[in-house]
Amino acid sequence: MEARAIIGWNLRRLRVEQGLSQERLALAAGIDRAYVGRVERGSENVTVTTLEVMARALSVAVGDLFTEPPAGSVRPSPLRAGRRAKPA
């Protein structure tokens, strides 16, 4: 797997695990939401500075974005669309 695909895989995995939408991550990192989507798809050649900002927004080490997924891993599922339900 190439580096851009690994970074995109991990970015999506970490974002979904934390229940963040692409929009929320982009807002926290101060970057464009569409850019986050392109990074997750592996179509953007992201800079180290941007990786640092996104890692900080996710509260993880930059190195966590470079961890190759185990063989046979299934791509992380997207978050459910729409707004979250209000707590009762």
C-alpha atoms as a PDB file:
ATOM      1  CA  MET A   1       0.000   0.000   0.000  1.00  0.00           C
ATOM      2  CA  GLU A   2       1.422   3.423  -0.904  1.00  0.00           C
ATOM      3  CA  ALA A   3       1.994   6.131   1.718  1.00  0.00           C
ATOM      4  CA  ARG A   4      -0.918   8.367   0.641  1.00  0.00           C
ATOM      5  CA  ALA A   5      -3.342   5.432   0.896  1.00  0.00           C
ATOM      6  CA  ILE A   6      -2.008   4.479   4.351  1.00  0.00           C
ATOM      7  CA  ILE A   7      -2.364   8.050   5.605  1.00  0.00           C
ATOM      8  CA  GLY A   8      -5.901   8.286   4.205  1.00  0.00           C
ATOM      9  CA  TRP A   9      -6.872   4.931   5.715  1.00  0.00           C
ATOM     10  CA  ASN A  10      -5.616   5.926   9.163  1.00  0.00           C
ATOM     11  CA  LEU A  11      -7.072   9.414   9.017  1.00  0.00           C
ATOM     12  CA  ARG A  12     -10.519   8.008   8.268  1.00  0.00           C
ATOM     13  CA  ARG A  13     -10.173   5.234  10.874  1.00  0.00           C
ATOM     14  CA  LEU A  14      -9.158   7.651  13.627  1.00  0.00           C
ATOM     15  CA  ARG A  15     -11.775  10.219  12.657  1.00  0.00           C
ATOM     16  CA  VAL A  16     -14.597   7.655  12.603  1.00  0.00           C
ATOM     17  CA  GLU A  17     -13.429   6.071  15.887  1.00  0.00           C
ATOM     18  CA  GLN A  18     -13.748   9.503  17.490  1.00  0.00           C
ATOM     19  CA  GLY A  19     -17.154  10.117  15.908  1.00  0.00           C
ATOM     20  CA  LEU A  20     -15.969  13.170  13.984  1.00  0.00           C
ATOM     21  CA  SER A  21     -17.330  14.154  10.602  1.00  0.00           C
ATOM     22  CA  GLN A  22     -14.939  15.377   7.936  1.00  0.00           C
ATOM     23  CA  GLU A  23     -16.400  18.823   8.497  1.00  0.00           C
ATOM     24  CA  ARG A  24     -15.716  18.751  12.258  1.00  0.00           C
ATOM     25  CA  LEU A  25     -12.147  17.534  11.727  1.00  0.00           C
ATOM     26  CA  ALA A  26     -11.554  20.200   9.085  1.00  0.00           C
ATOM     27  CA  LEU A  27     -12.921  22.888  11.401  1.00  0.00           C
ATOM     28  CA  ALA A  28     -10.732  21.724  14.309  1.00  0.00           C
ATOM     29  CA  ALA A  29      -7.661  21.576  12.050  1.00  0.00           C
ATOM     30  CA  GLY A  30      -8.379  24.830  10.228  1.00  0.00           C
ATOM     31  CA  ILE A  31      -8.438  23.229   6.784  1.00  0.00           C
ATOM     32  CA  ASP A  32     -11.042  22.726   4.064  1.00  0.00           C
ATOM     33  CA  ARG A  33     -13.498  19.807   4.417  1.00  0.00           C
ATOM     34  CA  ALA A  34     -13.031  18.807   0.783  1.00  0.00           C
ATOM     35  CA  TYR A  35      -9.281  18.596   1.421  1.00  0.00           C
ATOM     36  CA  VAL A  36      -9.891  16.116   4.275  1.00  0.00           C
ATOM     37  CA  GLY A  37     -11.945  13.975   1.871  1.00  0.00           C
ATOM     38  CA  ARG A  38      -9.197  14.018  -0.747  1.00  0.00           C
ATOM     39  CA  VAL A  39      -6.585  13.032   1.854  1.00  0.00           C
ATOM     40  CA  GLU A  40      -8.790  10.161   3.044  1.00  0.00           C
ATOM     41  CA  ARG A  41      -9.190   8.928  -0.540  1.00  0.00           C
ATOM     42  CA  GLY A  42      -5.416   9.085  -1.031  1.00  0.00           C
ATOM     43  CA  SER A  43      -5.672  11.541  -3.895  1.00  0.00           C
ATOM     44  CA  GLU A  44      -3.957  14.440  -2.132  1.00  0.00           C
ATOM     45  CA  ASN A  45      -0.216  14.737  -1.530  1.00  0.00           C
ATOM     46  CA  VAL A  46      -0.479  16.121   2.010  1.00  0.00           C
ATOM     47  CA  THR A  47       2.294  18.157   3.658  1.00  0.00           C
ATOM     48  CA  VAL A  48       3.931  17.299   6.961  1.00  0.00           C
ATOM     49  CA  THR A  49       2.585  20.521   8.438  1.00  0.00           C
ATOM     50  CA  THR A  50      -0.980  19.556   7.525  1.00  0.00           C
ATOM     51  CA  LEU A  51      -0.440  16.065   8.950  1.00  0.00           C
ATOM     52  CA  GLU A  52       0.690  17.648  12.211  1.00  0.00           C
ATOM     53  CA  VAL A  53      -2.408  19.851  12.351  1.00  0.00           C
ATOM     54  CA  MET A  54      -4.765  16.938  11.646  1.00  0.00           C
ATOM     55  CA  ALA A  55      -2.998  14.679  14.153  1.00  0.00           C
ATOM     56  CA  ARG A  56      -3.258  17.408  16.792  1.00  0.00           C
ATOM     57  CA  ALA A  57      -6.986  17.808  16.043  1.00  0.00           C
ATOM     58  CA  LEU A  58      -7.390  14.034  16.513  1.00  0.00           C
ATOM     59  CA  SER A  59      -5.168  14.023  19.654  1.00  0.00           C
ATOM     60  CA  VAL A  60      -2.823  11.398  18.195  1.00  0.00           C
ATOM     61  CA  ALA A  61       0.852  11.274  17.275  1.00  0.00           C
ATOM     62  CA  VAL A  62       1.730  12.041  13.658  1.00  0.00           C
ATOM     63  CA  GLY A  63       3.283   8.573  13.443  1.00  0.00           C
ATOM     64  CA  ASP A  64      -0.150   7.023  14.007  1.00  0.00           C
ATOM     65  CA  LEU A  65      -1.107   8.222  10.524  1.00  0.00           C
ATOM     66  CA  PHE A  66       1.717   6.142   8.986  1.00  0.00           C
ATOM     67  CA  THR A  67       0.863   2.751  10.542  1.00  0.00           C
ATOM     68  CA  GLU A  68       0.154   0.243   7.791  1.00  0.00           C
ATOM     69  CA  PRO A  69      -3.141  -1.612   8.347  1.00  0.00           C
ATOM     70  CA  PRO A  70      -2.938  -5.376   8.873  1.00  0.00           C
ATOM     71  CA  ALA A  71      -3.316  -7.514   5.752  1.00  0.00           C
ATOM     72  CA  GLY A  72      -6.955  -8.193   4.919  1.00  0.00           C
ATOM     73  CA  SER A  73      -8.263  -5.227   6.922  1.00  0.00           C
ATOM     74  CA  VAL A  74     -11.583  -3.824   5.808  1.00  0.00           C
ATOM     75  CA  ARG A  75     -11.730  -0.111   5.004  1.00  0.00           C
ATOM     76  CA  PRO A  76     -13.264   1.828   7.904  1.00  0.00           C
ATOM     77  CA  SER A  77     -16.995   2.440   7.469  1.00  0.00           C
ATOM     78  CA  PRO A  78     -18.183   6.032   7.153  1.00  0.00           C
ATOM     79  CA  LEU A  79     -20.179   7.710   9.877  1.00  0.00           C
ATOM     80  CA  ARG A  80     -23.947   7.567   9.584  1.00  0.00           C
ATOM     81  CA  ALA A  81     -25.210  10.516   7.567  1.00  0.00           C
ATOM     82  CA  GLY A  82     -27.257  13.264   9.137  1.00  0.00           C
ATOM     83  CA  ARG A  83     -27.270  14.949  12.482  1.00  0.00           C
ATOM     84  CA  ARG A  84     -26.794  13.128  15.739  1.00  0.00           C
ATOM     85  CA  ALA A  85     -29.894  12.478  17.796  1.00  0.00           C
ATOM     86  CA  LYS A  86     -30.329  14.819  20.747  1.00  0.00           C
ATOM     87  CA  PRO A  87     -29.865  13.126  24.124  1.00  0.00           C
ATOM     88  CA  ALA A  88     -33.113  12.485  25.962  1.00  0.00           C
END
